[in-house]
Amino acid sequence: MSPREAHRARYIEGWDHADPEKLMASITGDFRFDDPVDPKPVTANMLVAYMPVWPKRAAALGGSFDFEMTDRTIQDKDGILTEWYWWVLKGTAAEGTALIKTCDDGVMFEGLTYFRSPWPLLR
């Protein structure tokens, strides 16, 4: 497993298990999480405080913080691991795509788009 793949796996584990140590160990210092439901991108120093947002959103819709990810496309080129996939927040009407970019230093970026959103999009 390459460093990029290891960081990417740790990043997903951090989210799946609400583990801030794993999450922070997987990202770069200039990490950015961009979700059009949020008023501005989440940076590395904001990420731990942001983590509870998604479980709360899911609970408010009667669902749980459990994603189904399908149609995964992965490209490892020029030192960047790029992953795109379709996601559904199980038990809710929320679904869309995610793009994650990872280098050997960690996850640099995750950006979400929505096909269906139960929340107003701010951007």
PDB file of N, CA and C in Angstrom:
ATOM      1  N   MET A   1       0.865  -1.179   0.000  1.00  0.00           N
ATOM      2  CA  MET A   1       0.000   0.000   0.000  1.00  0.00           C
ATOM      3  C   MET A   1       0.909   1.239   0.000  1.00  0.00           C
ATOM      4  N   SER A   2       0.622   2.149  -0.904  1.00  0.00           N
ATOM      5  CA  SER A   2       1.412   3.382  -0.997  1.00  0.00           C
ATOM      6  C   SER A   2       1.057   4.321   0.157  1.00  0.00           C
ATOM      7  N   PRO A   3       1.915   5.309   0.449  1.00  0.00           N
ATOM      8  CA  PRO A   3       1.567   6.303   1.479  1.00  0.00           C
ATOM      9  C   PRO A   3       0.237   7.002   1.183  1.00  0.00           C
ATOM     10  N   ARG A   4      -0.011   7.279  -0.095  1.00  0.00           N
ATOM     11  CA  ARG A   4      -1.279   7.926  -0.470  1.00  0.00           C
ATOM     12  C   ARG A   4      -2.467   7.054  -0.091  1.00  0.00           C
ATOM     13  N   GLU A   5      -2.355   5.771  -0.435  1.00  0.00           N
ATOM     14  CA  GLU A   5      -3.450   4.847  -0.126  1.00  0.00           C
ATOM     15  C   GLU A   5      -3.648   4.696   1.383  1.00  0.00           C
ATOM     16  N   ALA A   6      -2.560   4.669   2.125  1.00  0.00           N
ATOM     17  CA  ALA A   6      -2.645   4.539   3.589  1.00  0.00           C
ATOM     18  C   ALA A   6      -3.311   5.768   4.209  1.00  0.00           C
ATOM     19  N   HIS A   7      -2.932   6.959   3.750  1.00  0.00           N
ATOM     20  CA  HIS A   7      -3.567   8.183   4.257  1.00  0.00           C
ATOM     21  C   HIS A   7      -5.059   8.191   3.926  1.00  0.00           C
ATOM     22  N   ARG A   8      -5.389   7.809   2.714  1.00  0.00           N
ATOM     23  CA  ARG A   8      -6.791   7.793   2.283  1.00  0.00           C
ATOM     24  C   ARG A   8      -7.598   6.817   3.130  1.00  0.00           C
ATOM     25  N   ALA A   9      -7.065   5.622   3.382  1.00  0.00           N
ATOM     26  CA  ALA A   9      -7.757   4.627   4.206  1.00  0.00           C
ATOM     27  C   ALA A   9      -7.937   5.143   5.634  1.00  0.00           C
ATOM     28  N   ARG A  10      -6.897   5.759   6.191  1.00  0.00           N
ATOM     29  CA  ARG A  10      -6.974   6.304   7.548  1.00  0.00           C
ATOM     30  C   ARG A  10      -8.008   7.426   7.621  1.00  0.00           C
ATOM     31  N   TYR A  11      -8.089   8.242   6.594  1.00  0.00           N
ATOM     32  CA  TYR A  11      -9.063   9.341   6.533  1.00  0.00           C
ATOM     33  C   TYR A  11     -10.489   8.794   6.621  1.00  0.00           C
ATOM     34  N   ILE A  12     -10.793   7.782   5.829  1.00  0.00           N
ATOM     35  CA  ILE A  12     -12.133   7.182   5.848  1.00  0.00           C
ATOM     36  C   ILE A  12     -12.402   6.532   7.207  1.00  0.00           C
ATOM     37  N   GLU A  13     -11.419   5.831   7.767  1.00  0.00           N
ATOM     38  CA  GLU A  13     -11.591   5.244   9.103  1.00  0.00           C
ATOM     39  C   GLU A  13     -11.864   6.327  10.143  1.00  0.00           C
ATOM     40  N   GLY A  14     -11.166   7.436  10.041  1.00  0.00           N
ATOM     41  CA  GLY A  14     -11.379   8.545  10.974  1.00  0.00           C
ATOM     42  C   GLY A  14     -12.807   9.045  10.946  1.00  0.00           C
ATOM     43  N   TRP A  15     -13.359   9.205   9.729  1.00  0.00           N
ATOM     44  CA  TRP A  15     -14.749   9.626   9.605  1.00  0.00           C
ATOM     45  C   TRP A  15     -15.700   8.526  10.089  1.00  0.00           C
ATOM     46  N   ASP A  16     -15.473   7.287   9.631  1.00  0.00           N
ATOM     47  CA  ASP A  16     -16.382   6.184   9.958  1.00  0.00           C
ATOM     48  C   ASP A  16     -16.476   5.930  11.457  1.00  0.00           C
ATOM     49  N   HIS A  17     -15.375   6.115  12.170  1.00  0.00           N
ATOM     50  CA  HIS A  17     -15.339   5.807  13.599  1.00  0.00           C
ATOM     51  C   HIS A  17     -15.311   7.066  14.468  1.00  0.00           C
ATOM     52  N   ALA A  18     -15.539   8.227  13.851  1.00  0.00           N
ATOM     53  CA  ALA A  18     -15.496   9.513  14.575  1.00  0.00           C
ATOM     54  C   ALA A  18     -14.233   9.595  15.430  1.00  0.00           C
ATOM     55  N   ASP A  19     -13.105   9.287  14.802  1.00  0.00           N
ATOM     56  CA  ASP A  19     -11.811   9.259  15.491  1.00  0.00           C
ATOM     57  C   ASP A  19     -10.980  10.463  15.052  1.00  0.00           C
ATOM     58  N   PRO A  20     -10.959  11.523  15.855  1.00  0.00           N
ATOM     59  CA  PRO A  20     -10.235  12.729  15.447  1.00  0.00           C
ATOM     60  C   PRO A  20      -8.735  12.515  15.279  1.00  0.00           C
ATOM     61  N   GLU A  21      -8.139  11.607  16.050  1.00  0.00           N
ATOM     62  CA  GLU A  21      -6.702  11.358  15.913  1.00  0.00           C
ATOM     63  C   GLU A  21      -6.376  10.758  14.546  1.00  0.00           C
ATOM     64  N   LYS A  22      -7.165   9.765  14.129  1.00  0.00           N
ATOM     65  CA  LYS A  22      -6.943   9.169  12.802  1.00  0.00           C
ATOM     66  C   LYS A  22      -7.190  10.195  11.704  1.00  0.00           C
ATOM     67  N   LEU A  23      -8.238  10.967  11.870  1.00  0.00           N
ATOM     68  CA  LEU A  23      -8.573  11.958  10.854  1.00  0.00           C
ATOM     69  C   LEU A  23      -7.445  12.981  10.713  1.00  0.00           C
ATOM     70  N   MET A  24      -6.987  13.508  11.822  1.00  0.00           N
ATOM     71  CA  MET A  24      -5.934  14.530  11.774  1.00  0.00           C
ATOM     72  C   MET A  24      -4.602  13.953  11.282  1.00  0.00           C
ATOM     73  N   ALA A  25      -4.345  12.685  11.588  1.00  0.00           N
ATOM     74  CA  ALA A  25      -3.100  12.045  11.133  1.00  0.00           C
ATOM     75  C   ALA A  25      -3.124  11.765   9.638  1.00  0.00           C
ATOM     76  N   SER A  26      -4.291  11.870   9.009  1.00  0.00           N
ATOM     77  CA  SER A  26      -4.413  11.519   7.593  1.00  0.00           C
ATOM     78  C   SER A  26      -4.380  12.716   6.653  1.00  0.00           C
ATOM     79  N   ILE A  27      -4.426  13.946   7.169  1.00  0.00           N
ATOM     80  CA  ILE A  27      -4.573  15.123   6.306  1.00  0.00           C
ATOM     81  C   ILE A  27      -3.308  15.960   6.255  1.00  0.00           C
ATOM     82  N   THR A  28      -3.235  16.812   5.243  1.00  0.00           N
ATOM     83  CA  THR A  28      -2.130  17.765   5.123  1.00  0.00           C
ATOM     84  C   THR A  28      -2.477  19.045   5.886  1.00  0.00           C
ATOM     85  N   GLY A  29      -1.478  19.879   6.132  1.00  0.00           N
ATOM     86  CA  GLY A  29      -1.697  21.136   6.843  1.00  0.00           C
ATOM     87  C   GLY A  29      -2.600  22.098   6.099  1.00  0.00           C
ATOM     88  N   ASP A  30      -2.623  21.991   4.766  1.00  0.00           N
ATOM     89  CA  ASP A  30      -3.477  22.888   3.975  1.00  0.00           C
ATOM     90  C   ASP A  30      -4.760  22.194   3.500  1.00  0.00           C
ATOM     91  N   PHE A  31      -5.156  21.141   4.198  1.00  0.00           N
ATOM     92  CA  PHE A  31      -6.376  20.395   3.890  1.00  0.00           C
ATOM     93  C   PHE A  31      -7.581  21.335   3.807  1.00  0.00           C
ATOM     94  N   ARG A  32      -8.508  20.977   2.896  1.00  0.00           N
ATOM     95  CA  ARG A  32      -9.760  21.721   2.761  1.00  0.00           C
ATOM     96  C   ARG A  32     -10.896  20.749   2.470  1.00  0.00           C
ATOM     97  N   PHE A  33     -12.006  20.884   3.214  1.00  0.00           N
ATOM     98  CA  PHE A  33     -13.227  20.115   3.003  1.00  0.00           C
ATOM     99  C   PHE A  33     -14.280  21.107   2.542  1.00  0.00           C
ATOM    100  N   ASP A  34     -14.786  20.912   1.343  1.00  0.00           N
ATOM    101  CA  ASP A  34     -15.695  21.878   0.747  1.00  0.00           C
ATOM    102  C   ASP A  34     -17.058  21.242   0.520  1.00  0.00           C
ATOM    103  N   ASP A  35     -18.065  21.752   1.236  1.00  0.00           N
ATOM    104  CA  ASP A  35     -19.433  21.255   1.156  1.00  0.00           C
ATOM    105  C   ASP A  35     -20.335  22.463   0.916  1.00  0.00           C
ATOM    106  N   PRO A  36     -21.097  22.490  -0.170  1.00  0.00           N
ATOM    107  CA  PRO A  36     -21.924  23.663  -0.472  1.00  0.00           C
ATOM    108  C   PRO A  36     -23.050  23.915   0.529  1.00  0.00           C
ATOM    109  N   VAL A  37     -23.246  23.037   1.499  1.00  0.00           N
ATOM    110  CA  VAL A  37     -24.206  23.285   2.570  1.00  0.00           C
ATOM    111  C   VAL A  37     -23.585  24.205   3.633  1.00  0.00           C
ATOM    112  N   ASP A  38     -22.265  24.185   3.726  1.00  0.00           N
ATOM    113  CA  ASP A  38     -21.559  24.990   4.720  1.00  0.00           C
ATOM    114  C   ASP A  38     -21.211  26.362   4.150  1.00  0.00           C
ATOM    115  N   PRO A  39     -21.197  27.390   5.005  1.00  0.00           N
ATOM    116  CA  PRO A  39     -20.942  28.740   4.503  1.00  0.00           C
ATOM    117  C   PRO A  39     -19.529  28.950   3.956  1.00  0.00           C
ATOM    118  N   LYS A  40     -18.559  28.154   4.409  1.00  0.00           N
ATOM    119  CA  LYS A  40     -17.192  28.277   3.899  1.00  0.00           C
ATOM    120  C   LYS A  40     -16.490  26.931   4.027  1.00  0.00           C
ATOM    121  N   PRO A  41     -15.412  26.723   3.285  1.00  0.00           N
ATOM    122  CA  PRO A  41     -14.678  25.461   3.395  1.00  0.00           C
ATOM    123  C   PRO A  41     -14.134  25.244   4.810  1.00  0.00           C
ATOM    124  N   VAL A  42     -14.038  23.991   5.197  1.00  0.00           N
ATOM    125  CA  VAL A  42     -13.476  23.596   6.484  1.00  0.00           C
ATOM    126  C   VAL A  42     -11.991  23.343   6.271  1.00  0.00           C
ATOM    127  N   THR A  43     -11.160  23.976   7.074  1.00  0.00           N
ATOM    128  CA  THR A  43      -9.710  23.810   6.973  1.00  0.00           C
ATOM    129  C   THR A  43      -9.226  22.801   8.017  1.00  0.00           C
ATOM    130  N   ALA A  44      -7.949  22.464   7.948  1.00  0.00           N
ATOM    131  CA  ALA A  44      -7.374  21.471   8.867  1.00  0.00           C
ATOM    132  C   ALA A  44      -7.608  21.854  10.324  1.00  0.00           C
ATOM    133  N   ASN A  45      -7.431  23.124  10.659  1.00  0.00           N
ATOM    134  CA  ASN A  45      -7.576  23.517  12.064  1.00  0.00           C
ATOM    135  C   ASN A  45      -9.035  23.579  12.522  1.00  0.00           C
ATOM    136  N   MET A  46      -9.985  23.447  11.617  1.00  0.00           N
ATOM    137  CA  MET A  46     -11.409  23.459  11.953  1.00  0.00           C
ATOM    138  C   MET A  46     -12.023  22.062  11.944  1.00  0.00           C
ATOM    139  N   LEU A  47     -11.288  21.073  11.441  1.00  0.00           N
ATOM    140  CA  LEU A  47     -11.875  19.771  11.128  1.00  0.00           C
ATOM    141  C   LEU A  47     -12.421  19.027  12.348  1.00  0.00           C
ATOM    142  N   VAL A  48     -11.690  18.983  13.441  1.00  0.00           N
ATOM    143  CA  VAL A  48     -12.150  18.235  14.618  1.00  0.00           C
ATOM    144  C   VAL A  48     -13.451  18.834  15.146  1.00  0.00           C
ATOM    145  N   ALA A  49     -13.551  20.147  15.192  1.00  0.00           N
ATOM    146  CA  ALA A  49     -14.783  20.793  15.651  1.00  0.00           C
ATOM    147  C   ALA A  49     -15.937  20.543  14.678  1.00  0.00           C
ATOM    148  N   TYR A  50     -15.609  20.346  13.401  1.00  0.00           N
ATOM    149  CA  TYR A  50     -16.624  20.116  12.369  1.00  0.00           C
ATOM    150  C   TYR A  50     -17.149  18.680  12.373  1.00  0.00           C
ATOM    151  N   MET A  51     -16.383  17.724  12.840  1.00  0.00           N
ATOM    152  CA  MET A  51     -16.736  16.301  12.748  1.00  0.00           C
ATOM    153  C   MET A  51     -18.168  15.974  13.182  1.00  0.00           C
ATOM    154  N   PRO A  52     -18.692  16.516  14.275  1.00  0.00           N
ATOM    155  CA  PRO A  52     -20.054  16.147  14.705  1.00  0.00           C
ATOM    156  C   PRO A  52     -21.173  16.664  13.791  1.00  0.00           C
ATOM    157  N   VAL A  53     -20.869  17.543  12.857  1.00  0.00           N
ATOM    158  CA  VAL A  53     -21.898  18.129  12.000  1.00  0.00           C
ATOM    159  C   VAL A  53     -22.651  17.055  11.219  1.00  0.00           C
ATOM    160  N   TRP A  54     -21.927  16.137  10.589  1.00  0.00           N
ATOM    161  CA  TRP A  54     -22.581  15.138   9.750  1.00  0.00           C
ATOM    162  C   TRP A  54     -23.451  14.161  10.536  1.00  0.00           C
ATOM    163  N   PRO A  55     -23.002  13.607  11.657  1.00  0.00           N
ATOM    164  CA  PRO A  55     -23.919  12.752  12.431  1.00  0.00           C
ATOM    165  C   PRO A  55     -25.169  13.508  12.896  1.00  0.00           C
ATOM    166  N   LYS A  56     -25.017  14.782  13.252  1.00  0.00           N
ATOM    167  CA  LYS A  56     -26.182  15.576  13.659  1.00  0.00           C
ATOM    168  C   LYS A  56     -27.130  15.805  12.489  1.00  0.00           C
ATOM    169  N   ARG A  57     -26.588  16.080  11.319  1.00  0.00           N
ATOM    170  CA  ARG A  57     -27.431  16.256  10.128  1.00  0.00           C
ATOM    171  C   ARG A  57     -28.221  14.986   9.839  1.00  0.00           C
ATOM    172  N   ALA A  58     -27.538  13.850   9.894  1.00  0.00           N
ATOM    173  CA  ALA A  58     -28.203  12.573   9.614  1.00  0.00           C
ATOM    174  C   ALA A  58     -29.300  12.301  10.640  1.00  0.00           C
ATOM    175  N   ALA A  59     -29.012  12.512  11.909  1.00  0.00           N
ATOM    176  CA  ALA A  59     -29.994  12.265  12.968  1.00  0.00           C
ATOM    177  C   ALA A  59     -31.209  13.173  12.809  1.00  0.00           C
ATOM    178  N   ALA A  60     -30.991  14.416  12.416  1.00  0.00           N
ATOM    179  CA  ALA A  60     -32.107  15.351  12.230  1.00  0.00           C
ATOM    180  C   ALA A  60     -33.046  14.898  11.116  1.00  0.00           C
ATOM    181  N   LEU A  61     -32.513  14.103  10.186  1.00  0.00           N
ATOM    182  CA  LEU A  61     -33.330  13.586   9.083  1.00  0.00           C
ATOM    183  C   LEU A  61     -33.883  12.196   9.374  1.00  0.00           C
ATOM    184  N   GLY A  62     -33.602  11.678  10.561  1.00  0.00           N
ATOM    185  CA  GLY A  62     -34.082  10.354  10.920  1.00  0.00           C
ATOM    186  C   GLY A  62     -33.180   9.231  10.442  1.00  0.00           C
ATOM    187  N   GLY A  63     -31.990   9.574   9.986  1.00  0.00           N
ATOM    188  CA  GLY A  63     -31.039   8.563   9.516  1.00  0.00           C
ATOM    189  C   GLY A  63     -29.879   8.422  10.477  1.00  0.00           C
ATOM    190  N   SER A  64     -28.904   7.640  10.079  1.00  0.00           N
ATOM    191  CA  SER A  64     -27.691   7.494  10.871  1.00  0.00           C
ATOM    192  C   SER A  64     -26.508   7.911  10.002  1.00  0.00           C
ATOM    193  N   PHE A  65     -25.383   8.114  10.628  1.00  0.00           N
ATOM    194  CA  PHE A  65     -24.183   8.527   9.907  1.00  0.00           C
ATOM    195  C   PHE A  65     -23.572   7.290   9.243  1.00  0.00           C
ATOM    196  N   ASP A  66     -24.241   6.855   8.173  1.00  0.00           N
ATOM    197  CA  ASP A  66     -23.842   5.642   7.463  1.00  0.00           C
ATOM    198  C   ASP A  66     -24.004   5.902   5.972  1.00  0.00           C
ATOM    199  N   PHE A  67     -22.897   5.893   5.267  1.00  0.00           N
ATOM    200  CA  PHE A  67     -22.908   6.188   3.839  1.00  0.00           C
ATOM    201  C   PHE A  67     -22.796   4.915   3.027  1.00  0.00           C
ATOM    202  N   GLU A  68     -23.510   4.893   1.918  1.00  0.00           N
ATOM    203  CA  GLU A  68     -23.296   3.880   0.898  1.00  0.00           C
ATOM    204  C   GLU A  68     -22.536   4.571  -0.221  1.00  0.00           C
ATOM    205  N   MET A  69     -21.376   4.029  -0.595  1.00  0.00           N
ATOM    206  CA  MET A  69     -20.570   4.615  -1.658  1.00  0.00           C
ATOM    207  C   MET A  69     -20.497   3.634  -2.821  1.00  0.00           C
ATOM    208  N   THR A  70     -20.855   4.127  -4.009  1.00  0.00           N
ATOM    209  CA  THR A  70     -20.860   3.277  -5.197  1.00  0.00           C
ATOM    210  C   THR A  70     -20.175   4.008  -6.347  1.00  0.00           C
ATOM    211  N   ASP A  71     -20.064   3.331  -7.462  1.00  0.00           N
ATOM    212  CA  ASP A  71     -19.514   3.912  -8.689  1.00  0.00           C
ATOM    213  C   ASP A  71     -18.189   4.617  -8.438  1.00  0.00           C
ATOM    214  N   ARG A  72     -17.333   3.941  -7.699  1.00  0.00           N
ATOM    215  CA  ARG A  72     -16.037   4.495  -7.318  1.00  0.00           C
ATOM    216  C   ARG A  72     -15.073   4.477  -8.503  1.00  0.00           C
ATOM    217  N   THR A  73     -14.421   5.607  -8.724  1.00  0.00           N
ATOM    218  CA  THR A  73     -13.389   5.734  -9.746  1.00  0.00           C
ATOM    219  C   THR A  73     -12.125   6.244  -9.071  1.00  0.00           C
ATOM    220  N   ILE A  74     -11.005   5.564  -9.301  1.00  0.00           N
ATOM    221  CA  ILE A  74      -9.745   5.921  -8.653  1.00  0.00           C
ATOM    222  C   ILE A  74      -8.675   6.092  -9.727  1.00  0.00           C
ATOM    223  N   GLN A  75      -7.901   7.158  -9.576  1.00  0.00           N
ATOM    224  CA  GLN A  75      -6.765   7.398 -10.469  1.00  0.00           C
ATOM    225  C   GLN A  75      -5.573   7.785  -9.603  1.00  0.00           C
ATOM    226  N   ASP A  76      -4.439   7.142  -9.815  1.00  0.00           N
ATOM    227  CA  ASP A  76      -3.198   7.476  -9.127  1.00  0.00           C
ATOM    228  C   ASP A  76      -2.217   7.938 -10.189  1.00  0.00           C
ATOM    229  N   LYS A  77      -2.034   9.255 -10.281  1.00  0.00           N
ATOM    230  CA  LYS A  77      -1.233   9.810 -11.360  1.00  0.00           C
ATOM    231  C   LYS A  77      -0.434  10.999 -10.853  1.00  0.00           C
ATOM    232  N   ASP A  78       0.828  11.043 -11.226  1.00  0.00           N
ATOM    233  CA  ASP A  78       1.712  12.157 -10.906  1.00  0.00           C
ATOM    234  C   ASP A  78       1.749  12.469  -9.409  1.00  0.00           C
ATOM    235  N   GLY A  79       1.712  11.421  -8.568  1.00  0.00           N
ATOM    236  CA  GLY A  79       1.824  11.603  -7.131  1.00  0.00           C
ATOM    237  C   GLY A  79       0.540  12.006  -6.432  1.00  0.00           C
ATOM    238  N   ILE A  80      -0.576  12.012  -7.145  1.00  0.00           N
ATOM    239  CA  ILE A  80      -1.869  12.368  -6.560  1.00  0.00           C
ATOM    240  C   ILE A  80      -2.842  11.210  -6.760  1.00  0.00           C
ATOM    241  N   LEU A  81      -3.409  10.729  -5.658  1.00  0.00           N
ATOM    242  CA  LEU A  81      -4.465   9.730  -5.701  1.00  0.00           C
ATOM    243  C   LEU A  81      -5.785  10.485  -5.691  1.00  0.00           C
ATOM    244  N   THR A  82      -6.551  10.333  -6.768  1.00  0.00           N
ATOM    245  CA  THR A  82      -7.835  11.013  -6.900  1.00  0.00           C
ATOM    246  C   THR A  82      -8.922   9.946  -6.870  1.00  0.00           C
ATOM    247  N   GLU A  83      -9.893  10.165  -6.002  1.00  0.00           N
ATOM    248  CA  GLU A  83     -11.009   9.218  -5.900  1.00  0.00           C
ATOM    249  C   GLU A  83     -12.318   9.997  -6.021  1.00  0.00           C
ATOM    250  N   TRP A  84     -13.186   9.487  -6.877  1.00  0.00           N
ATOM    251  CA  TRP A  84     -14.516  10.040  -7.058  1.00  0.00           C
ATOM    252  C   TRP A  84     -15.500   8.923  -6.820  1.00  0.00           C
ATOM    253  N   TYR A  85     -16.595   9.221  -6.134  1.00  0.00           N
ATOM    254  CA  TYR A  85     -17.635   8.217  -5.952  1.00  0.00           C
ATOM    255  C   TYR A  85     -18.986   8.874  -5.718  1.00  0.00           C
ATOM    256  N   TRP A  86     -20.022   8.061  -5.941  1.00  0.00           N
ATOM    257  CA  TRP A  86     -21.399   8.446  -5.650  1.00  0.00           C
ATOM    258  C   TRP A  86     -21.678   8.026  -4.214  1.00  0.00           C
ATOM    259  N   TRP A  87     -22.310   8.886  -3.438  1.00  0.00           N
ATOM    260  CA  TRP A  87     -22.646   8.562  -2.050  1.00  0.00           C
ATOM    261  C   TRP A  87     -24.130   8.794  -1.783  1.00  0.00           C
ATOM    262  N   VAL A  88     -24.653   8.008  -0.858  1.00  0.00           N
ATOM    263  CA  VAL A  88     -26.013   8.155  -0.343  1.00  0.00           C
ATOM    264  C   VAL A  88     -25.905   8.084   1.172  1.00  0.00           C
ATOM    265  N   LEU A  89     -26.476   9.056   1.859  1.00  0.00           N
ATOM    266  CA  LEU A  89     -26.560   9.011   3.311  1.00  0.00           C
ATOM    267  C   LEU A  89     -27.785   8.159   3.641  1.00  0.00           C
ATOM    268  N   LYS A  90     -27.538   6.933   4.074  1.00  0.00           N
ATOM    269  CA  LYS A  90     -28.615   5.943   4.253  1.00  0.00           C
ATOM    270  C   LYS A  90     -29.722   6.472   5.165  1.00  0.00           C
ATOM    271  N   GLY A  91     -30.951   6.200   4.761  1.00  0.00           N
ATOM    272  CA  GLY A  91     -32.109   6.596   5.541  1.00  0.00           C
ATOM    273  C   GLY A  91     -32.505   8.050   5.370  1.00  0.00           C
ATOM    274  N   THR A  92     -31.866   8.750   4.407  1.00  0.00           N
ATOM    275  CA  THR A  92     -32.173  10.158   4.164  1.00  0.00           C
ATOM    276  C   THR A  92     -32.332  10.391   2.666  1.00  0.00           C
ATOM    277  N   ALA A  93     -32.696  11.600   2.322  1.00  0.00           N
ATOM    278  CA  ALA A  93     -32.816  11.979   0.914  1.00  0.00           C
ATOM    279  C   ALA A  93     -31.514  12.571   0.365  1.00  0.00           C
ATOM    280  N   ALA A  94     -30.464  12.599   1.164  1.00  0.00           N
ATOM    281  CA  ALA A  94     -29.201  13.211   0.736  1.00  0.00           C
ATOM    282  C   ALA A  94     -28.383  12.237  -0.105  1.00  0.00           C
ATOM    283  N   GLU A  95     -27.972  12.711  -1.296  1.00  0.00           N
ATOM    284  CA  GLU A  95     -27.079  11.926  -2.142  1.00  0.00           C
ATOM    285  C   GLU A  95     -26.350  12.849  -3.095  1.00  0.00           C
ATOM    286  N   GLY A  96     -25.185  12.388  -3.508  1.00  0.00           N
ATOM    287  CA  GLY A  96     -24.382  13.197  -4.421  1.00  0.00           C
ATOM    288  C   GLY A  96     -23.057  12.528  -4.728  1.00  0.00           C
ATOM    289  N   THR A  97     -22.058  13.335  -4.998  1.00  0.00           N
ATOM    290  CA  THR A  97     -20.729  12.830  -5.317  1.00  0.00           C
ATOM    291  C   THR A  97     -19.707  13.440  -4.376  1.00  0.00           C
ATOM    292  N   ALA A  98     -18.573  12.769  -4.282  1.00  0.00           N
ATOM    293  CA  ALA A  98     -17.446  13.279  -3.509  1.00  0.00           C
ATOM    294  C   ALA A  98     -16.182  13.088  -4.333  1.00  0.00           C
ATOM    295  N   LEU A  99     -15.275  14.027  -4.192  1.00  0.00           N
ATOM    296  CA  LEU A  99     -13.964  13.971  -4.825  1.00  0.00           C
ATOM    297  C   LEU A  99     -12.933  14.149  -3.726  1.00  0.00           C
ATOM    298  N   ILE A 100     -12.002  13.198  -3.617  1.00  0.00           N
ATOM    299  CA  ILE A 100     -10.955  13.259  -2.587  1.00  0.00           C
ATOM    300  C   ILE A 100      -9.607  13.192  -3.290  1.00  0.00           C
ATOM    301  N   LYS A 101      -8.716  14.107  -2.924  1.00  0.00           N
ATOM    302  CA  LYS A 101      -7.367  14.144  -3.490  1.00  0.00           C
ATOM    303  C   LYS A 101      -6.350  13.948  -2.367  1.00  0.00           C
ATOM    304  N   THR A 102      -5.434  12.990  -2.582  1.00  0.00           N
ATOM    305  CA  THR A 102      -4.460  12.620  -1.566  1.00  0.00           C
ATOM    306  C   THR A 102      -3.068  12.549  -2.186  1.00  0.00           C
ATOM    307  N   CYS A 103      -2.088  13.106  -1.482  1.00  0.00           N
ATOM    308  CA  CYS A 103      -0.680  12.984  -1.889  1.00  0.00           C
ATOM    309  C   CYS A 103       0.039  12.155  -0.824  1.00  0.00           C
ATOM    310  N   ASP A 104       1.339  11.972  -0.965  1.00  0.00           N
ATOM    311  CA  ASP A 104       2.085  11.165  -0.001  1.00  0.00           C
ATOM    312  C   ASP A 104       2.110  11.798   1.384  1.00  0.00           C
ATOM    313  N   ASP A 105       1.792  13.088   1.497  1.00  0.00           N
ATOM    314  CA  ASP A 105       1.757  13.766   2.801  1.00  0.00           C
ATOM    315  C   ASP A 105       0.393  13.661   3.479  1.00  0.00           C
ATOM    316  N   GLY A 106      -0.632  13.274   2.740  1.00  0.00           N
ATOM    317  CA  GLY A 106      -1.962  13.123   3.328  1.00  0.00           C
ATOM    318  C   GLY A 106      -3.066  13.587   2.404  1.00  0.00           C
ATOM    319  N   VAL A 107      -4.284  13.533   2.916  1.00  0.00           N
ATOM    320  CA  VAL A 107      -5.452  13.993   2.163  1.00  0.00           C
ATOM    321  C   VAL A 107      -5.395  15.514   2.102  1.00  0.00           C
ATOM    322  N   MET A 108      -5.484  16.036   0.888  1.00  0.00           N
ATOM    323  CA  MET A 108      -5.392  17.483   0.676  1.00  0.00           C
ATOM    324  C   MET A 108      -6.763  18.127   0.564  1.00  0.00           C
ATOM    325  N   PHE A 109      -7.725  17.373   0.017  1.00  0.00           N
ATOM    326  CA  PHE A 109      -9.010  17.986  -0.342  1.00  0.00           C
ATOM    327  C   PHE A 109     -10.108  16.941  -0.393  1.00  0.00           C
ATOM    328  N   GLU A 110     -11.269  17.326   0.107  1.00  0.00           N
ATOM    329  CA  GLU A 110     -12.494  16.585  -0.187  1.00  0.00           C
ATOM    330  C   GLU A 110     -13.561  17.608  -0.537  1.00  0.00           C
ATOM    331  N   GLY A 111     -14.220  17.383  -1.659  1.00  0.00           N
ATOM    332  CA  GLY A 111     -15.293  18.263  -2.090  1.00  0.00           C
ATOM    333  C   GLY A 111     -16.550  17.463  -2.370  1.00  0.00           C
ATOM    334  N   LEU A 112     -17.687  17.967  -1.898  1.00  0.00           N
ATOM    335  CA  LEU A 112     -18.965  17.313  -2.110  1.00  0.00           C
ATOM    336  C   LEU A 112     -19.799  18.080  -3.119  1.00  0.00           C
ATOM    337  N   THR A 113     -20.595  17.358  -3.847  1.00  0.00           N
ATOM    338  CA  THR A 113     -21.659  17.941  -4.663  1.00  0.00           C
ATOM    339  C   THR A 113     -22.931  17.168  -4.314  1.00  0.00           C
ATOM    340  N   TYR A 114     -24.071  17.749  -4.637  1.00  0.00           N
ATOM    341  CA  TYR A 114     -25.345  17.127  -4.296  1.00  0.00           C
ATOM    342  C   TYR A 114     -26.184  16.893  -5.541  1.00  0.00           C
ATOM    343  N   PHE A 115     -26.780  15.717  -5.596  1.00  0.00           N
ATOM    344  CA  PHE A 115     -27.820  15.427  -6.569  1.00  0.00           C
ATOM    345  C   PHE A 115     -29.165  15.756  -5.919  1.00  0.00           C
ATOM    346  N   ARG A 116     -29.306  15.332  -4.653  1.00  0.00           N
ATOM    347  CA  ARG A 116     -30.462  15.680  -3.817  1.00  0.00           C
ATOM    348  C   ARG A 116     -29.940  16.137  -2.465  1.00  0.00           C
ATOM    349  N   SER A 117     -30.452  17.258  -2.001  1.00  0.00           N
ATOM    350  CA  SER A 117     -30.056  17.758  -0.691  1.00  0.00           C
ATOM    351  C   SER A 117     -31.291  18.184   0.103  1.00  0.00           C
ATOM    352  N   PRO A 118     -31.433  17.662   1.317  1.00  0.00           N
ATOM    353  CA  PRO A 118     -32.525  18.121   2.161  1.00  0.00           C
ATOM    354  C   PRO A 118     -32.192  19.448   2.843  1.00  0.00           C
ATOM    355  N   TRP A 119     -30.983  19.934   2.655  1.00  0.00           N
ATOM    356  CA  TRP A 119     -30.521  21.179   3.240  1.00  0.00           C
ATOM    357  C   TRP A 119     -30.349  22.224   2.143  1.00  0.00           C
ATOM    358  N   PRO A 120     -30.531  23.503   2.467  1.00  0.00           N
ATOM    359  CA  PRO A 120     -30.283  24.520   1.445  1.00  0.00           C
ATOM    360  C   PRO A 120     -28.788  24.624   1.118  1.00  0.00           C
ATOM    361  N   LEU A 121     -28.489  24.738  -0.152  1.00  0.00           N
ATOM    362  CA  LEU A 121     -27.102  24.897  -0.578  1.00  0.00           C
ATOM    363  C   LEU A 121     -26.766  26.388  -0.511  1.00  0.00           C
ATOM    364  N   LEU A 122     -25.648  26.699   0.121  1.00  0.00           N
ATOM    365  CA  LEU A 122     -25.284  28.092   0.368  1.00  0.00           C
ATOM    366  C   LEU A 122     -24.394  28.674  -0.701  1.00  0.00           C
ATOM    367  N   ARG A 123     -23.807  27.819  -1.520  1.00  0.00           N
ATOM    368  CA  ARG A 123     -22.915  28.335  -2.564  1.00  0.00           C
ATOM    369  C   ARG A 123     -23.292  27.731  -3.892  1.00  0.00           C
TER     370      ARG A 123
END
